[in-house]
Amino acid sequence: MGRGRVEERDASYIDSLDAGSWFSAEFKDERVPRLSNFLETYRGQTKLYFDVKDADLKRLLQLVRANGFEDDCFFWFSRDEKARELRQLDPDISLKMNAVDVPSLQSVLAYNPQIIEYRLQNLTPDFVAFARTHGLKLMAHALHEEAEKQYPEIIDSAADMVNLDKADVMLELLNSR
């Protein structure tokens, strides 16, 4: 088991860690996966949501492009300065921003987002109309405790996407309709 912040460790230390024992003895000695290997393996098979904390964005974008994921991913940052940095490096790659009302939607347009994440209680007809007028996809936020109780309402809403923890529950609901 490793200790410390990832950015404070070198690759050889991270490569030496056992990433599977905590889950099951069956996964003992499973190594921490490398993003480059993941991208190579799953090219054309999946779409990715990069929730970026600290990363060399230039290098990350190079990996994304080199593996053909530029149209199959989107980025989100908890700090606006990182979103600005992304836009300086790539003005077109998909970016998700968060908004709670039409004024906050208006303010995030400066970042040229493609996706807006919202909480269901903030979804109003004006919010949806503004987003649609500006070609924005809507992503429902459903990560809070007991969020699955909102899944039926999300399914019936204007959501294009959902940020959730219990995909199995959502799929079961979708398949039962």
Foldseek 3Di string as FASTA:
>chain_A
DDDDDPVVDDPVVQQQDQPPVVPHPVSGPPGDDDPLVVLQVCQPPAAEEAADEDDPLLVVVVSCVVSVRQVRYEYEYPDVVVLVVNCVNPVDRAYEDEDQEDVRVVVCVVSVHQEYEYEPVSDDPVRVVSCVVSNHAYEYEQDDPPSLVCLVVCVVDSHPHYDYDCVVSNVVVVVVD
